[in-house]
PDB file of N, CA and C in Angstrom:
ATOM      1  N   UNK A   1     145.105 125.229  57.610  1.00  0.00           N
ATOM      2  CA  UNK A   1     146.320 125.825  58.237  1.00  0.00           C
ATOM      3  C   UNK A   1     147.284 125.659  57.093  1.00  0.00           C
ATOM      4  N   UNK A   2     147.949 126.264  56.760  1.00  0.00           N
ATOM      5  CA  UNK A   2     149.392 125.866  56.017  1.00  0.00           C
ATOM      6  C   UNK A   2     150.518 124.864  56.426  1.00  0.00           C
ATOM      7  N   UNK A   3     150.300 123.951  55.524  1.00  0.00           N
ATOM      8  CA  UNK A   3     150.991 122.201  55.721  1.00  0.00           C
ATOM      9  C   UNK A   3     152.178 122.366  53.938  1.00  0.00           C
ATOM     10  N   UNK A   4     153.396 121.510  54.491  1.00  0.00           N
ATOM     11  CA  UNK A   4     153.838 121.314  53.808  1.00  0.00           C
ATOM     12  C   UNK A   4     153.805 119.975  52.821  1.00  0.00           C
ATOM     13  N   UNK A   5     154.416 120.240  51.579  1.00  0.00           N
ATOM     14  CA  UNK A   5     153.586 119.086  50.834  1.00  0.00           C
ATOM     15  C   UNK A   5     154.791 119.211  49.579  1.00  0.00           C
ATOM     16  N   UNK A   6     154.605 118.119  48.789  1.00  0.00           N
ATOM     17  CA  UNK A   6     155.078 117.932  47.952  1.00  0.00           C
ATOM     18  C   UNK A   6     154.575 117.248  46.661  1.00  0.00           C
ATOM     19  N   UNK A   7     154.616 118.189  45.569  1.00  0.00           N
ATOM     20  CA  UNK A   7     153.961 117.388  44.241  1.00  0.00           C
ATOM     21  C   UNK A   7     154.694 116.656  43.383  1.00  0.00           C
ATOM     22  N   UNK A   8     154.111 115.398  43.595  1.00  0.00           N
ATOM     23  CA  UNK A   8     154.485 114.249  42.522  1.00  0.00           C
ATOM     24  C   UNK A   8     154.243 113.296  41.593  1.00  0.00           C
ATOM     25  N   UNK A   9     153.484 114.593  40.856  1.00  0.00           N
ATOM     26  CA  UNK A   9     152.279 114.215  39.990  1.00  0.00           C
ATOM     27  C   UNK A   9     152.194 114.890  39.096  1.00  0.00           C
ATOM     28  N   UNK A  10     151.461 115.253  38.027  1.00  0.00           N
ATOM     29  CA  UNK A  10     150.814 116.375  37.282  1.00  0.00           C
ATOM     30  C   UNK A  10     149.472 117.262  38.149  1.00  0.00           C
ATOM     31  N   UNK A  11     149.911 118.623  38.255  1.00  0.00           N
ATOM     32  CA  UNK A  11     148.844 119.489  39.166  1.00  0.00           C
ATOM     33  C   UNK A  11     148.927 120.272  38.275  1.00  0.00           C
ATOM     34  N   UNK A  12     147.624 120.669  37.938  1.00  0.00           N
ATOM     35  CA  UNK A  12     147.365 121.646  36.129  1.00  0.00           C
ATOM     36  C   UNK A  12     146.856 122.881  37.084  1.00  0.00           C
ATOM     37  N   UNK A  13     146.533 123.689  36.869  1.00  0.00           N
ATOM     38  CA  UNK A  13     145.895 124.834  36.819  1.00  0.00           C
ATOM     39  C   UNK A  13     145.824 125.966  36.214  1.00  0.00           C
ATOM     40  N   UNK A  14     144.759 126.725  35.789  1.00  0.00           N
ATOM     41  CA  UNK A  14     144.432 127.701  35.039  1.00  0.00           C
ATOM     42  C   UNK A  14     144.474 129.500  35.481  1.00  0.00           C
ATOM     43  N   UNK A  15     145.124 129.888  34.879  1.00  0.00           N
ATOM     44  CA  UNK A  15     146.029 131.575  35.159  1.00  0.00           C
ATOM     45  C   UNK A  15     144.542 132.081  34.677  1.00  0.00           C
ATOM     46  N   UNK A  16     143.365 132.602  35.558  1.00  0.00           N
ATOM     47  CA  UNK A  16     142.582 133.273  34.486  1.00  0.00           C
ATOM     48  C   UNK A  16     141.480 132.525  33.501  1.00  0.00           C
ATOM     49  N   UNK A  17     141.770 132.818  32.582  1.00  0.00           N
ATOM     50  CA  UNK A  17     140.862 132.789  31.507  1.00  0.00           C
ATOM     51  C   UNK A  17     141.476 131.678  30.595  1.00  0.00           C
ATOM     52  N   UNK A  18     143.185 131.739  30.901  1.00  0.00           N
ATOM     53  CA  UNK A  18     144.319 131.187  30.136  1.00  0.00           C
ATOM     54  C   UNK A  18     144.173 129.954  29.621  1.00  0.00           C
ATOM     55  N   UNK A  19     145.041 129.480  29.596  1.00  0.00           N
ATOM     56  CA  UNK A  19     145.448 127.751  28.940  1.00  0.00           C
ATOM     57  C   UNK A  19     146.243 127.704  30.593  1.00  0.00           C
ATOM     58  N   UNK A  20     145.875 125.706  30.613  1.00  0.00           N
ATOM     59  CA  UNK A  20     146.289 125.143  31.646  1.00  0.00           C
ATOM     60  C   UNK A  20     147.749 124.967  32.036  1.00  0.00           C
ATOM     61  N   UNK A  21     148.326 125.661  32.843  1.00  0.00           N
ATOM     62  CA  UNK A  21     149.527 125.782  33.482  1.00  0.00           C
ATOM     63  C   UNK A  21     149.767 124.414  34.672  1.00  0.00           C
ATOM     64  N   UNK A  22     151.570 123.853  34.252  1.00  0.00           N
ATOM     65  CA  UNK A  22     151.489 122.931  35.903  1.00  0.00           C
ATOM     66  C   UNK A  22     152.239 123.554  36.578  1.00  0.00           C
ATOM     67  N   UNK A  23     152.179 123.232  37.696  1.00  0.00           N
ATOM     68  CA  UNK A  23     152.661 123.363  38.891  1.00  0.00           C
ATOM     69  C   UNK A  23     153.743 122.108  39.101  1.00  0.00           C
ATOM     70  N   UNK A  24     155.017 122.932  39.064  1.00  0.00           N
ATOM     71  CA  UNK A  24     156.397 121.912  38.940  1.00  0.00           C
ATOM     72  C   UNK A  24     156.097 120.927  40.252  1.00  0.00           C
ATOM     73  N   UNK A  25     157.113 119.798  39.675  1.00  0.00           N
ATOM     74  CA  UNK A  25     156.989 118.738  40.703  1.00  0.00           C
ATOM     75  C   UNK A  25     158.258 119.369  41.712  1.00  0.00           C
ATOM     76  N   UNK A  26     157.844 118.396  42.877  1.00  0.00           N
ATOM     77  CA  UNK A  26     158.966 119.360  44.359  1.00  0.00           C
ATOM     78  C   UNK A  26     157.734 119.625  45.220  1.00  0.00           C
ATOM     79  N   UNK A  27     159.284 120.802  46.416  1.00  0.00           N
ATOM     80  CA  UNK A  27     158.361 120.616  47.607  1.00  0.00           C
ATOM     81  C   UNK A  27     157.142 122.534  47.092  1.00  0.00           C
ATOM     82  N   UNK A  28     156.006 122.030  48.033  1.00  0.00           N
ATOM     83  CA  UNK A  28     155.457 123.070  48.043  1.00  0.00           C
ATOM     84  C   UNK A  28     154.658 123.332  49.329  1.00  0.00           C
ATOM     85  N   UNK A  29     154.086 124.968  49.475  1.00  0.00           N
ATOM     86  CA  UNK A  29     153.241 124.159  50.890  1.00  0.00           C
ATOM     87  C   UNK A  29     151.939 124.998  50.370  1.00  0.00           C
ATOM     88  N   UNK A  30     150.893 124.192  50.998  1.00  0.00           N
ATOM     89  CA  UNK A  30     149.228 124.531  50.869  1.00  0.00           C
ATOM     90  C   UNK A  30     148.649 124.920  51.932  1.00  0.00           C
ATOM     91  N   UNK A  31     147.724 125.724  51.427  1.00  0.00           N
ATOM     92  CA  UNK A  31     146.709 126.389  52.574  1.00  0.00           C
ATOM     93  C   UNK A  31     144.880 125.581  51.878  1.00  0.00           C
ATOM     94  N   UNK A  32     144.638 124.822  52.762  1.00  0.00           N
ATOM     95  CA  UNK A  32     143.198 124.638  52.324  1.00  0.00           C
ATOM     96  C   UNK A  32     142.364 125.039  52.743  1.00  0.00           C
ATOM     97  N   UNK A  33     141.146 125.409  51.908  1.00  0.00           N
ATOM     98  CA  UNK A  33     140.344 126.705  52.485  1.00  0.00           C
ATOM     99  C   UNK A  33     139.068 125.727  52.183  1.00  0.00           C
ATOM    100  N   UNK A  34     137.687 126.249  52.828  1.00  0.00           N
ATOM    101  CA  UNK A  34     136.293 125.468  52.177  1.00  0.00           C
ATOM    102  C   UNK A  34     136.459 125.314  51.061  1.00  0.00           C
ATOM    103  N   UNK A  35     136.349 126.147  49.970  1.00  0.00           N
ATOM    104  CA  UNK A  35     136.211 126.250  48.324  1.00  0.00           C
ATOM    105  C   UNK A  35     137.404 125.992  47.881  1.00  0.00           C
ATOM    106  N   UNK A  36     138.021 126.229  48.152  1.00  0.00           N
ATOM    107  CA  UNK A  36     139.916 126.442  47.394  1.00  0.00           C
ATOM    108  C   UNK A  36     140.781 125.805  47.815  1.00  0.00           C
ATOM    109  N   UNK A  37     141.936 125.803  47.702  1.00  0.00           N
ATOM    110  CA  UNK A  37     143.647 125.561  48.119  1.00  0.00           C
ATOM    111  C   UNK A  37     144.658 126.223  47.444  1.00  0.00           C
ATOM    112  N   UNK A  38     145.473 127.321  48.237  1.00  0.00           N
ATOM    113  CA  UNK A  38     146.320 127.608  47.867  1.00  0.00           C
ATOM    114  C   UNK A  38     148.015 127.076  47.621  1.00  0.00           C
ATOM    115  N   UNK A  39     148.199 126.877  46.807  1.00  0.00           N
ATOM    116  CA  UNK A  39     149.684 125.979  46.258  1.00  0.00           C
ATOM    117  C   UNK A  39     150.451 127.605  46.201  1.00  0.00           C
ATOM    118  N   UNK A  40     151.709 127.138  46.959  1.00  0.00           N
ATOM    119  CA  UNK A  40     153.109 128.221  46.773  1.00  0.00           C
ATOM    120  C   UNK A  40     154.009 127.347  46.792  1.00  0.00           C
ATOM    121  N   UNK A  41     155.199 127.634  45.601  1.00  0.00           N
ATOM    122  CA  UNK A  41     156.691 127.127  45.406  1.00  0.00           C
ATOM    123  C   UNK A  41     156.964 128.064  44.862  1.00  0.00           C
ATOM    124  N   UNK A  42     158.642 127.357  44.553  1.00  0.00           N
ATOM    125  CA  UNK A  42     159.379 128.766  44.122  1.00  0.00           C
ATOM    126  C   UNK A  42     159.806 128.097  42.745  1.00  0.00           C
ATOM    127  N   UNK A  43     159.673 128.666  41.444  1.00  0.00           N
ATOM    128  CA  UNK A  43     160.130 128.432  40.401  1.00  0.00           C
ATOM    129  C   UNK A  43     161.322 129.859  39.859  1.00  0.00           C
ATOM    130  N   UNK A  44     162.294 128.954  39.265  1.00  0.00           N
ATOM    131  CA  UNK A  44     163.484 129.573  39.033  1.00  0.00           C
ATOM    132  C   UNK A  44     163.673 131.215  39.651  1.00  0.00           C
ATOM    133  N   UNK A  45     163.611 130.778  41.122  1.00  0.00           N
ATOM    134  CA  UNK A  45     163.854 131.686  41.523  1.00  0.00           C
ATOM    135  C   UNK A  45     162.872 132.735  41.946  1.00  0.00           C
ATOM    136  N   UNK A  46     162.051 132.389  41.814  1.00  0.00           N
ATOM    137  CA  UNK A  46     160.820 133.340  41.743  1.00  0.00           C
ATOM    138  C   UNK A  46     159.686 132.402  42.670  1.00  0.00           C
ATOM    139  N   UNK A  47     159.120 133.308  43.901  1.00  0.00           N
ATOM    140  CA  UNK A  47     157.558 133.143  44.482  1.00  0.00           C
ATOM    141  C   UNK A  47     156.590 133.031  43.952  1.00  0.00           C
ATOM    142  N   UNK A  48     155.910 132.032  43.787  1.00  0.00           N
ATOM    143  CA  UNK A  48     154.745 131.732  42.735  1.00  0.00           C
ATOM    144  C   UNK A  48     153.947 130.810  43.536  1.00  0.00           C
ATOM    145  N   UNK A  49     152.283 131.214  43.344  1.00  0.00           N
ATOM    146  CA  UNK A  49     151.202 130.709  44.126  1.00  0.00           C
ATOM    147  C   UNK A  49     149.756 130.535  43.154  1.00  0.00           C
ATOM    148  N   UNK A  50     148.989 129.630  43.727  1.00  0.00           N
ATOM    149  CA  UNK A  50     147.705 129.535  42.841  1.00  0.00           C
ATOM    150  C   UNK A  50     146.634 129.049  43.550  1.00  0.00           C
ATOM    151  N   UNK A  51     145.270 129.468  43.074  1.00  0.00           N
ATOM    152  CA  UNK A  51     144.325 129.177  44.272  1.00  0.00           C
ATOM    153  C   UNK A  51     143.392 127.731  43.009  1.00  0.00           C
ATOM    154  N   UNK A  52     143.231 126.608  43.396  1.00  0.00           N
ATOM    155  CA  UNK A  52     142.802 125.580  43.098  1.00  0.00           C
ATOM    156  C   UNK A  52     141.274 124.984  43.382  1.00  0.00           C
ATOM    157  N   UNK A  53     140.424 124.918  42.857  1.00  0.00           N
ATOM    158  CA  UNK A  53     139.011 124.670  43.495  1.00  0.00           C
ATOM    159  C   UNK A  53     139.415 123.367  44.192  1.00  0.00           C
ATOM    160  N   UNK A  54     139.081 123.257  45.739  1.00  0.00           N
ATOM    161  CA  UNK A  54     138.993 122.270  46.649  1.00  0.00           C
ATOM    162  C   UNK A  54     138.471 120.834  46.167  1.00  0.00           C
ATOM    163  N   UNK A  55     137.924 120.443  45.377  1.00  0.00           N
ATOM    164  CA  UNK A  55     137.461 119.197  44.809  1.00  0.00           C
ATOM    165  C   UNK A  55     138.751 118.611  43.822  1.00  0.00           C
ATOM    166  N   UNK A  56     139.335 119.625  43.431  1.00  0.00           N
ATOM    167  CA  UNK A  56     140.777 119.325  42.204  1.00  0.00           C
ATOM    168  C   UNK A  56     141.784 119.044  43.238  1.00  0.00           C
ATOM    169  N   UNK A  57     141.657 120.007  44.376  1.00  0.00           N
ATOM    170  CA  UNK A  57     143.285 119.595  45.804  1.00  0.00           C
ATOM    171  C   UNK A  57     142.482 118.371  46.217  1.00  0.00           C
ATOM    172  N   UNK A  58     141.207 117.977  46.575  1.00  0.00           N
ATOM    173  CA  UNK A  58     141.477 116.629  47.361  1.00  0.00           C
ATOM    174  C   UNK A  58     141.945 115.387  46.365  1.00  0.00           C
ATOM    175  N   UNK A  59     141.158 115.828  45.016  1.00  0.00           N
ATOM    176  CA  UNK A  59     141.393 114.560  44.325  1.00  0.00           C
ATOM    177  C   UNK A  59     142.961 114.408  43.695  1.00  0.00           C
ATOM    178  N   UNK A  60     143.932 115.371  43.957  1.00  0.00           N
ATOM    179  CA  UNK A  60     145.221 115.460  43.632  1.00  0.00           C
ATOM    180  C   UNK A  60     145.988 114.838  44.854  1.00  0.00           C
ATOM    181  N   UNK A  61     145.026 115.247  46.076  1.00  0.00           N
ATOM    182  CA  UNK A  61     145.640 114.475  47.508  1.00  0.00           C
ATOM    183  C   UNK A  61     145.474 112.890  47.573  1.00  0.00           C
ATOM    184  N   UNK A  62     144.321 112.346  46.843  1.00  0.00           N
ATOM    185  CA  UNK A  62     143.625 110.854  46.415  1.00  0.00           C
ATOM    186  C   UNK A  62     144.629 110.225  46.129  1.00  0.00           C
ATOM    187  N   UNK A  63     145.322 110.698  44.648  1.00  0.00           N
ATOM    188  CA  UNK A  63     145.439 110.391  43.751  1.00  0.00           C
ATOM    189  C   UNK A  63     147.206 109.996  43.660  1.00  0.00           C
ATOM    190  N   UNK A  64     147.720 110.774  45.071  1.00  0.00           N
ATOM    191  CA  UNK A  64     148.905 111.137  45.206  1.00  0.00           C
ATOM    192  C   UNK A  64     149.753 111.883  44.593  1.00  0.00           C
ATOM    193  N   UNK A  65     149.115 112.645  44.070  1.00  0.00           N
ATOM    194  CA  UNK A  65     149.993 114.272  43.255  1.00  0.00           C
ATOM    195  C   UNK A  65     150.474 114.877  44.274  1.00  0.00           C
ATOM    196  N   UNK A  66     149.443 115.083  44.804  1.00  0.00           N
ATOM    197  CA  UNK A  66     149.904 116.050  46.122  1.00  0.00           C
ATOM    198  C   UNK A  66     150.188 115.011  47.527  1.00  0.00           C
ATOM    199  N   UNK A  67     151.423 115.020  47.887  1.00  0.00           N
ATOM    200  CA  UNK A  67     151.795 114.609  49.083  1.00  0.00           C
ATOM    201  C   UNK A  67     152.000 115.128  50.415  1.00  0.00           C
ATOM    202  N   UNK A  68     151.368 114.986  51.444  1.00  0.00           N
ATOM    203  CA  UNK A  68     151.380 116.222  52.322  1.00  0.00           C
ATOM    204  C   UNK A  68     152.129 115.541  53.473  1.00  0.00           C
ATOM    205  N   UNK A  69     153.262 116.145  53.622  1.00  0.00           N
ATOM    206  CA  UNK A  69     154.365 116.308  55.008  1.00  0.00           C
ATOM    207  C   UNK A  69     153.807 116.319  56.339  1.00  0.00           C
ATOM    208  N   UNK A  70     154.230 115.683  57.255  1.00  0.00           N
ATOM    209  CA  UNK A  70     153.769 116.050  58.663  1.00  0.00           C
ATOM    210  C   UNK A  70     152.489 116.297  59.429  1.00  0.00           C
ATOM    211  N   UNK A  71     151.754 115.770  58.337  1.00  0.00           N
ATOM    212  CA  UNK A  71     150.335 115.547  58.809  1.00  0.00           C
ATOM    213  C   UNK A  71     150.160 114.545  58.663  1.00  0.00           C
TER     214      UNK A  71
END
């Protein structure tokens, strides 16, 4: 189920085999699944999204880097 969230700290992801990239701080939506979570945000007027491993997502939430809203 998709939820509104806010990125409040360093949240990195890897695009394929490339370097680590950072999700910018600010509003986003998250759609957690069994194995991964999809983060979606807007950057410079463009819609962006990435899937991160569920273990990383859970750690980011626990550490306060991703703050869920209205949940």
